[in-house]
Amino acid sequence: MRRKLTWLVLLSAAILATVLYTRNVLATPASGFVGTTLAVGRFGEIDVFNHLISPDTLQEGQEDQERQEGQEGHKRNIWMSRQKTKGLSDFYVQSNVWLPGGSTGWHTHPGHSLIVVTAGTVTAYEGNDPTCTPTVYTQGMGFVDPGGDHVHLLRNEGSVVATTIAIQLIPAGVTARRVDAPDPGNCHF
């Protein structure tokens, strides 16, 4: 019985080592891309809800008329934001730089990111998009990376350096802010 248990433990260890090695081999590392952490902060649990009804969006007299008719037309002009976490979170501010032709490689993050293009153009590809349709972001544009199991790749397909600032919120103490992922096979660059 002890011998079977020993073999089972050794076999399990060999399988785990093979899986980890294979994952590293299949990962698509960055090329022509550098990410630099500018700041890190730790937050306790977050439970924030904000909304704004802009008075500028209602036409003069419209509010009184809708109130008399029992309508709430202002609902179509509302902005809302909700952020809720359980447990501690680490907040990162990242500066990202791509040389022309540079790529992040396929990857994901344990939490979401808000990204703003500060120079050049960045093209995003989604790992779950069978058509590999590019989404192009230029200076001043922002986009959201939901993180989790969302695998993506960002490239600089332009002729000048591209830069972004990204803010990320991830579970506290997670050692890998970025997780390399294997090529999903949907894009043929």
Protein backbone atom coordinates (compact mmCIF):
# COMPACT_ATOMS: atom_id res chain seq x y z
CA MET A 1 0.00 0.00 0.00
CA ARG A 2 2.80 2.39 0.88
CA ARG A 3 4.53 1.65 -2.42
CA LYS A 4 1.33 2.48 -4.39
CA LEU A 5 0.99 5.75 -2.49
CA THR A 6 4.62 6.65 -3.27
CA TRP A 7 4.08 5.95 -6.97
CA LEU A 8 0.86 7.97 -6.96
CA VAL A 9 2.63 10.96 -5.39
CA LEU A 10 5.55 10.70 -7.86
CA LEU A 11 3.20 10.37 -10.83
CA SER A 12 1.16 13.37 -9.66
CA ALA A 13 4.32 15.45 -9.25
CA ALA A 14 5.51 14.47 -12.73
CA ILE A 15 2.16 15.41 -14.28
CA LEU A 16 2.15 18.77 -12.48
CA ALA A 17 5.72 19.52 -13.57
CA THR A 18 4.86 18.63 -17.17
CA VAL A 19 1.77 20.86 -17.16
CA LEU A 20 3.71 23.82 -15.73
CA TYR A 21 6.59 23.31 -18.16
CA THR A 22 4.25 22.95 -21.14
CA ARG A 23 2.34 26.07 -20.15
CA ASN A 24 5.57 28.06 -20.03
CA VAL A 25 6.66 26.69 -23.41
CA LEU A 26 3.31 27.51 -25.03
CA ALA A 27 3.15 31.01 -23.53
CA THR A 28 3.63 33.93 -25.88
CA PRO A 29 6.08 36.33 -24.26
CA ALA A 30 6.20 40.05 -24.95
CA SER A 31 8.43 41.41 -27.69
CA GLY A 32 9.29 45.08 -28.21
CA PHE A 33 7.16 45.91 -25.17
CA VAL A 34 8.08 47.12 -21.68
CA GLY A 35 5.69 47.69 -18.78
CA THR A 36 6.88 49.71 -15.79
CA THR A 37 5.10 49.97 -12.45
CA LEU A 38 4.81 53.63 -11.45
CA ALA A 39 2.87 53.17 -8.20
CA VAL A 40 1.24 50.49 -6.05
CA GLY A 41 -1.30 51.03 -3.31
CA ARG A 42 -3.21 48.68 -1.03
CA PHE A 43 -6.93 49.21 -0.42
CA GLY A 44 -9.34 47.69 2.05
CA GLU A 45 -12.74 46.53 0.90
CA ILE A 46 -14.33 48.93 -1.58
CA ASP A 47 -18.07 49.58 -1.84
CA VAL A 48 -18.68 52.73 -3.89
CA PHE A 49 -21.67 53.72 -6.00
CA ASN A 50 -21.94 57.06 -7.79
CA HIS A 51 -24.48 58.44 -10.21
CA LEU A 52 -25.05 61.74 -11.92
CA ILE A 53 -28.08 63.12 -13.68
CA SER A 54 -26.81 65.95 -15.79
CA PRO A 55 -29.16 68.93 -15.81
CA ASP A 56 -27.54 70.06 -19.06
CA THR A 57 -29.10 67.14 -20.93
CA LEU A 58 -32.72 68.17 -20.33
CA GLN A 59 -34.27 70.77 -22.59
CA GLU A 60 -35.82 73.81 -20.97
CA GLY A 61 -39.32 72.97 -19.73
CA GLN A 62 -38.88 69.25 -20.43
CA GLU A 63 -38.34 68.38 -16.74
CA ASP A 64 -41.57 70.12 -15.61
CA GLN A 65 -43.58 68.56 -18.45
CA GLU A 66 -42.26 65.05 -17.70
CA ARG A 67 -42.93 65.49 -13.98
CA GLN A 68 -46.56 66.50 -14.75
CA GLU A 69 -46.96 63.48 -17.04
CA GLY A 70 -45.43 61.11 -14.46
CA GLN A 71 -42.49 60.32 -16.70
CA GLU A 72 -38.86 60.19 -15.72
CA GLY A 73 -37.11 61.05 -18.95
CA HIS A 74 -33.93 61.93 -17.09
CA LYS A 75 -33.22 58.21 -16.61
CA ARG A 76 -31.83 58.11 -20.14
CA ASN A 77 -29.31 60.83 -19.15
CA ILE A 78 -27.85 59.14 -16.09
CA TRP A 79 -24.21 58.14 -15.54
CA MET A 80 -23.44 55.41 -12.97
CA SER A 81 -20.31 53.83 -11.55
CA ARG A 82 -20.09 50.84 -9.20
CA GLN A 83 -16.99 49.30 -7.62
CA LYS A 84 -17.25 46.60 -4.97
CA THR A 85 -14.52 44.33 -3.68
CA LYS A 86 -14.32 41.74 -0.93
CA GLY A 87 -11.00 41.54 0.84
CA LEU A 88 -7.88 43.60 0.27
CA SER A 89 -6.91 44.84 -3.21
CA ASP A 90 -3.69 46.05 -4.77
CA PHE A 91 -3.96 49.02 -7.14
CA TYR A 92 -1.26 49.41 -9.81
CA VAL A 93 -0.40 52.31 -12.08
CA GLN A 94 1.52 51.04 -15.10
CA SER A 95 3.36 52.82 -17.88
CA ASN A 96 3.50 50.69 -21.03
CA VAL A 97 5.73 51.28 -24.07
CA TRP A 98 5.65 49.49 -27.44
CA LEU A 99 8.28 49.88 -30.12
CA PRO A 100 6.92 49.74 -33.69
CA GLY A 101 5.96 46.09 -34.25
CA GLY A 102 6.02 45.39 -30.49
CA SER A 103 3.54 43.08 -28.80
CA THR A 104 2.48 42.22 -25.25
CA GLY A 105 2.07 38.57 -26.21
CA TRP A 106 -1.12 36.75 -25.26
CA HIS A 107 -1.89 37.31 -21.59
CA THR A 108 -4.48 38.11 -18.95
CA HIS A 109 -4.61 39.71 -15.50
CA PRO A 110 -6.23 38.60 -12.23
CA GLY A 111 -8.29 41.84 -12.16
CA HIS A 112 -9.55 44.51 -14.52
CA SER A 113 -7.59 47.37 -16.10
CA LEU A 114 -8.53 50.82 -17.36
CA ILE A 115 -6.14 51.81 -20.15
CA VAL A 116 -5.54 55.19 -21.82
CA VAL A 117 -3.42 55.56 -24.96
CA THR A 118 -1.03 58.47 -24.37
CA ALA A 119 0.92 58.31 -27.68
CA GLY A 120 0.75 56.42 -30.95
CA THR A 121 -1.70 53.64 -31.71
CA VAL A 122 -2.37 50.34 -29.96
CA THR A 123 -4.27 47.51 -31.63
CA ALA A 124 -6.11 44.98 -29.44
CA TYR A 125 -6.91 41.38 -30.31
CA GLU A 126 -9.23 39.20 -28.22
CA GLY A 127 -8.42 35.55 -27.56
CA ASN A 128 -12.08 34.51 -27.78
CA ASP A 129 -12.77 36.26 -31.12
CA PRO A 130 -12.78 33.59 -33.84
CA THR A 131 -12.46 36.27 -36.55
CA CYS A 132 -9.50 37.99 -34.83
CA THR A 133 -11.00 41.41 -35.54
CA PRO A 134 -8.58 44.17 -34.52
CA THR A 135 -9.73 47.10 -32.41
CA VAL A 136 -7.56 50.20 -32.89
CA TYR A 137 -7.06 52.76 -30.12
CA THR A 138 -5.32 56.08 -30.75
CA GLN A 139 -3.98 58.80 -28.48
CA GLY A 140 -6.63 60.00 -26.02
CA MET A 141 -8.81 56.91 -26.33
CA GLY A 142 -9.44 54.60 -23.39
CA PHE A 143 -10.57 51.00 -23.09
CA VAL A 144 -11.25 48.36 -20.45
CA ASP A 145 -9.53 45.01 -20.05
CA PRO A 146 -11.89 42.93 -17.88
CA GLY A 147 -9.10 40.56 -16.73
CA GLY A 148 -9.94 37.16 -15.26
CA ASP A 149 -10.17 34.62 -18.07
CA HIS A 150 -10.11 37.38 -20.72
CA VAL A 151 -7.03 36.60 -22.83
CA HIS A 152 -5.85 39.37 -25.15
CA LEU A 153 -2.85 40.74 -27.04
CA LEU A 154 -1.95 44.39 -27.65
CA ARG A 155 0.30 45.38 -30.55
CA ASN A 156 1.85 48.50 -31.98
CA GLU A 157 1.22 48.13 -35.70
CA GLY A 158 2.28 51.73 -36.37
CA SER A 159 5.64 53.25 -37.27
CA VAL A 160 6.13 55.30 -34.07
CA VAL A 161 6.44 54.36 -30.39
CA ALA A 162 3.08 53.77 -28.67
CA THR A 163 2.47 54.36 -24.95
CA THR A 164 -0.35 53.80 -22.50
CA ILE A 165 -1.08 54.32 -18.84
CA ALA A 166 -3.02 51.48 -17.22
CA ILE A 167 -4.54 51.26 -13.79
CA GLN A 168 -5.30 47.82 -12.43
CA LEU A 169 -7.14 46.53 -9.41
CA ILE A 170 -6.26 42.97 -8.41
CA PRO A 171 -6.61 40.82 -5.28
CA ALA A 172 -3.99 41.81 -2.68
CA GLY A 173 -0.86 39.71 -2.49
CA VAL A 174 -1.26 38.06 -5.89
CA THR A 175 2.30 37.73 -7.11
CA ALA A 176 1.53 37.63 -10.84
CA ARG A 177 -0.07 40.90 -11.99
CA ARG A 178 0.23 39.61 -15.55
CA VAL A 179 -0.28 35.97 -16.56
CA ASP A 180 1.16 34.84 -19.90
CA ALA A 181 -1.22 32.69 -21.93
CA PRO A 182 -0.80 30.31 -24.85
CA ASP A 183 -1.68 31.51 -28.34
CA PRO A 184 -5.42 30.76 -28.72
CA GLY A 185 -4.84 30.08 -32.42
CA ASN A 186 -7.47 32.50 -33.74
CA CYS A 187 -5.04 35.12 -35.10
CA HIS A 188 -2.40 34.52 -37.76
CA PHE A 189 0.02 37.43 -37.67
